Structure formats: structure tokens, C-alpha cells
Amino acid sequence: MFPHFAFGFTSAFACRKINNLWQKNEQNVFDPYNNDVREMHAIVSVMKPLTTWHLMAALQEYREACGGLGISAYSKMPEVIESANVMTTWEGDNNVLLQ
């Protein structure tokens, strides 16, 4: 489980970078010559697939670690997995974003 937590922390640093770029460039986000906006778009386009695929792998591992309770409605894991699964398609399918 610790590698999943470590990936979550590193993803948080990337989110902070994206947030800082957004705050810095909010007024110029539609300027086609703004390189910072291009950088922000590239980071978001790469981080979204990586984090959602990792999330799904982590949830699957957590469910397996719970044994039979992992598929029980009492654990709420099926609900969480079902809700998180759509994240690989929201805002653009992961395979398309990485193209």
C-alpha cells in the first residue's frame, strides 16, 4: 500500500505546480503565445491519465487486500470503484490525452 501513498504524494506536488501556473496565468489563459499555459496544458494532459490509472490499480489492490469483504456492499469498495472508474474517461479518454 505504501507505493500507492507515495505516488499520491508526488501527484500532489504536480497538482501544486499546476495550481501555481494557473494562478500566475489566469488572466492570459487564452493567449496562444503564452508558453506557461502550454506547459500547464502538457502537465495536465499527462498527469490525468497517470493518476487515474494509478488510482484504479490502487483501488483494485485495496479491494483484493480486503478479501471477501472487498466485494461486499458493507465495505463500500464496490461503490468507490464504480465511482472512480469513470475518471479514466472524464475530460478526455486517457489513451487520447496521451496521444
C-alpha atoms as a PDB file:
ATOM      1  CA  MET A   1       0.000   0.000   0.000  1.00  0.00           C
ATOM      2  CA  PHE A   2       2.890   2.390   0.660  1.00  0.00           C
ATOM      3  CA  PRO A   3       3.858   2.781  -3.034  1.00  0.00           C
ATOM      4  CA  HIS A   4       0.311   3.972  -3.694  1.00  0.00           C
ATOM      5  CA  PHE A   5       0.552   6.541  -0.914  1.00  0.00           C
ATOM      6  CA  ALA A   6       3.949   7.689  -2.225  1.00  0.00           C
ATOM      7  CA  PHE A   7       2.520   8.147  -5.726  1.00  0.00           C
ATOM      8  CA  GLY A   8      -0.314  10.173  -4.205  1.00  0.00           C
ATOM      9  CA  PHE A   9       2.164  12.500  -2.533  1.00  0.00           C
ATOM     10  CA  THR A  10       4.156  13.016  -5.718  1.00  0.00           C
ATOM     11  CA  SER A  11       0.913  13.689  -7.592  1.00  0.00           C
ATOM     12  CA  ALA A  12       0.082  16.340  -5.013  1.00  0.00           C
ATOM     13  CA  PHE A  13       3.313  18.173  -5.896  1.00  0.00           C
ATOM     14  CA  ALA A  14       2.360  18.118  -9.579  1.00  0.00           C
ATOM     15  CA  CYS A  15      -1.086  19.479  -8.686  1.00  0.00           C
ATOM     16  CA  ARG A  16       0.577  22.286  -6.738  1.00  0.00           C
ATOM     17  CA  LYS A  17       2.704  23.118  -9.804  1.00  0.00           C
ATOM     18  CA  ILE A  18      -0.412  23.195 -11.985  1.00  0.00           C
ATOM     19  CA  ASN A  19      -2.220  25.375  -9.460  1.00  0.00           C
ATOM     20  CA  ASN A  20       0.705  27.811  -9.289  1.00  0.00           C
ATOM     21  CA  LEU A  21       0.845  28.019 -13.081  1.00  0.00           C
ATOM     22  CA  TRP A  22      -2.897  28.653 -13.196  1.00  0.00           C
ATOM     23  CA  GLN A  23      -2.722  31.421 -10.583  1.00  0.00           C
ATOM     24  CA  LYS A  24       0.152  33.042 -12.453  1.00  0.00           C
ATOM     25  CA  ASN A  25      -1.536  32.842 -15.883  1.00  0.00           C
ATOM     26  CA  GLU A  26      -5.243  33.066 -15.154  1.00  0.00           C
ATOM     27  CA  GLN A  27      -5.577  36.380 -16.984  1.00  0.00           C
ATOM     28  CA  ASN A  28      -3.624  35.173 -20.040  1.00  0.00           C
ATOM     29  CA  VAL A  29      -5.006  31.660 -20.388  1.00  0.00           C
ATOM     30  CA  PHE A  30      -6.350  32.309 -23.902  1.00  0.00           C
ATOM     31  CA  ASP A  31      -3.107  33.844 -25.188  1.00  0.00           C
ATOM     32  CA  PRO A  32      -1.802  31.353 -27.799  1.00  0.00           C
ATOM     33  CA  TYR A  33       1.774  32.613 -27.338  1.00  0.00           C
ATOM     34  CA  ASN A  34       1.920  32.056 -23.581  1.00  0.00           C
ATOM     35  CA  ASN A  35       4.419  29.238 -23.020  1.00  0.00           C
ATOM     36  CA  ASP A  36       3.388  28.795 -19.376  1.00  0.00           C
ATOM     37  CA  VAL A  37      -0.152  27.922 -20.459  1.00  0.00           C
ATOM     38  CA  ARG A  38       1.264  25.399 -22.916  1.00  0.00           C
ATOM     39  CA  GLU A  39       3.358  23.882 -20.141  1.00  0.00           C
ATOM     40  CA  MET A  40       0.329  23.719 -17.844  1.00  0.00           C
ATOM     41  CA  HIS A  41      -1.729  22.011 -20.552  1.00  0.00           C
ATOM     42  CA  ALA A  42       1.040  19.457 -21.157  1.00  0.00           C
ATOM     43  CA  ILE A  43       1.372  18.673 -17.445  1.00  0.00           C
ATOM     44  CA  VAL A  44      -2.387  18.254 -17.031  1.00  0.00           C
ATOM     45  CA  SER A  45      -2.641  16.087 -20.149  1.00  0.00           C
ATOM     46  CA  VAL A  46      -0.003  13.715 -18.788  1.00  0.00           C
ATOM     47  CA  MET A  47      -0.929  13.733 -15.097  1.00  0.00           C
ATOM     48  CA  LYS A  48      -4.620  12.983 -15.594  1.00  0.00           C
ATOM     49  CA  PRO A  49      -4.080   9.577 -17.261  1.00  0.00           C
ATOM     50  CA  LEU A  50      -1.235   8.635 -14.930  1.00  0.00           C
ATOM     51  CA  THR A  51      -3.142   9.452 -11.769  1.00  0.00           C
ATOM     52  CA  THR A  52      -6.460   7.894 -12.816  1.00  0.00           C
ATOM     53  CA  TRP A  53      -4.826   4.665 -13.985  1.00  0.00           C
ATOM     54  CA  HIS A  54      -2.832   4.524 -10.773  1.00  0.00           C
ATOM     55  CA  LEU A  55      -5.970   5.197  -8.735  1.00  0.00           C
ATOM     56  CA  MET A  56      -7.768   2.282 -10.386  1.00  0.00           C
ATOM     57  CA  ALA A  57      -4.792  -0.039  -9.769  1.00  0.00           C
ATOM     58  CA  ALA A  58      -4.610   1.074  -6.135  1.00  0.00           C
ATOM     59  CA  LEU A  59      -8.332   0.551  -5.581  1.00  0.00           C
ATOM     60  CA  GLN A  60      -8.111  -2.922  -7.095  1.00  0.00           C
ATOM     61  CA  GLU A  61      -5.218  -3.800  -4.787  1.00  0.00           C
ATOM     62  CA  TYR A  62      -7.077  -2.426  -1.758  1.00  0.00           C
ATOM     63  CA  ARG A  63     -10.164  -4.437  -2.707  1.00  0.00           C
ATOM     64  CA  GLU A  64      -8.083  -7.605  -3.032  1.00  0.00           C
ATOM     65  CA  ALA A  65      -6.411  -6.932   0.316  1.00  0.00           C
ATOM     66  CA  CYS A  66      -9.847  -6.866   1.949  1.00  0.00           C
ATOM     67  CA  GLY A  67     -10.604 -10.382   0.695  1.00  0.00           C
ATOM     68  CA  GLY A  68     -14.282 -11.243   0.533  1.00  0.00           C
ATOM     69  CA  LEU A  69     -15.230  -8.069   2.353  1.00  0.00           C
ATOM     70  CA  GLY A  70     -13.771  -6.091  -0.567  1.00  0.00           C
ATOM     71  CA  ILE A  71     -16.696  -7.074  -2.783  1.00  0.00           C
ATOM     72  CA  SER A  72     -19.288  -6.712  -0.048  1.00  0.00           C
ATOM     73  CA  ALA A  73     -21.659  -3.772  -0.111  1.00  0.00           C
ATOM     74  CA  TYR A  74     -20.826  -3.231   3.580  1.00  0.00           C
ATOM     75  CA  SER A  75     -17.280  -2.174   2.714  1.00  0.00           C
ATOM     76  CA  LYS A  76     -18.451   0.436   0.171  1.00  0.00           C
ATOM     77  CA  MET A  77     -15.477  -0.577  -2.012  1.00  0.00           C
ATOM     78  CA  PRO A  78     -17.699  -1.533  -4.983  1.00  0.00           C
ATOM     79  CA  GLU A  79     -19.292   1.940  -4.852  1.00  0.00           C
ATOM     80  CA  VAL A  80     -15.914   3.659  -4.663  1.00  0.00           C
ATOM     81  CA  ILE A  81     -14.501   1.619  -7.547  1.00  0.00           C
ATOM     82  CA  GLU A  82     -17.603   2.230  -9.650  1.00  0.00           C
ATOM     83  CA  SER A  83     -17.462   5.977  -8.985  1.00  0.00           C
ATOM     84  CA  ALA A  84     -13.723   6.196  -9.667  1.00  0.00           C
ATOM     85  CA  ASN A  85     -13.790   4.103 -12.842  1.00  0.00           C
ATOM     86  CA  VAL A  86     -15.425   6.897 -14.847  1.00  0.00           C
ATOM     87  CA  MET A  87     -12.424   9.161 -14.119  1.00  0.00           C
ATOM     88  CA  THR A  88     -10.402   7.403 -16.824  1.00  0.00           C
ATOM     89  CA  THR A  89     -12.817   8.867 -19.398  1.00  0.00           C
ATOM     90  CA  TRP A  90     -13.879  12.247 -17.936  1.00  0.00           C
ATOM     91  CA  GLU A  91     -12.308  15.296 -19.563  1.00  0.00           C
ATOM     92  CA  GLY A  92     -10.931  13.124 -22.343  1.00  0.00           C
ATOM     93  CA  ASP A  93     -10.135   9.448 -22.534  1.00  0.00           C
ATOM     94  CA  ASN A  94      -6.700   8.623 -21.133  1.00  0.00           C
ATOM     95  CA  ASN A  95      -5.480   6.994 -24.340  1.00  0.00           C
ATOM     96  CA  VAL A  96      -6.459  10.057 -26.355  1.00  0.00           C
ATOM     97  CA  LEU A  97      -4.837  12.505 -23.922  1.00  0.00           C
ATOM     98  CA  LEU A  98      -1.512  10.707 -24.148  1.00  0.00           C
ATOM     99  CA  GLN A  99      -1.518  10.913 -27.937  1.00  0.00           C
END
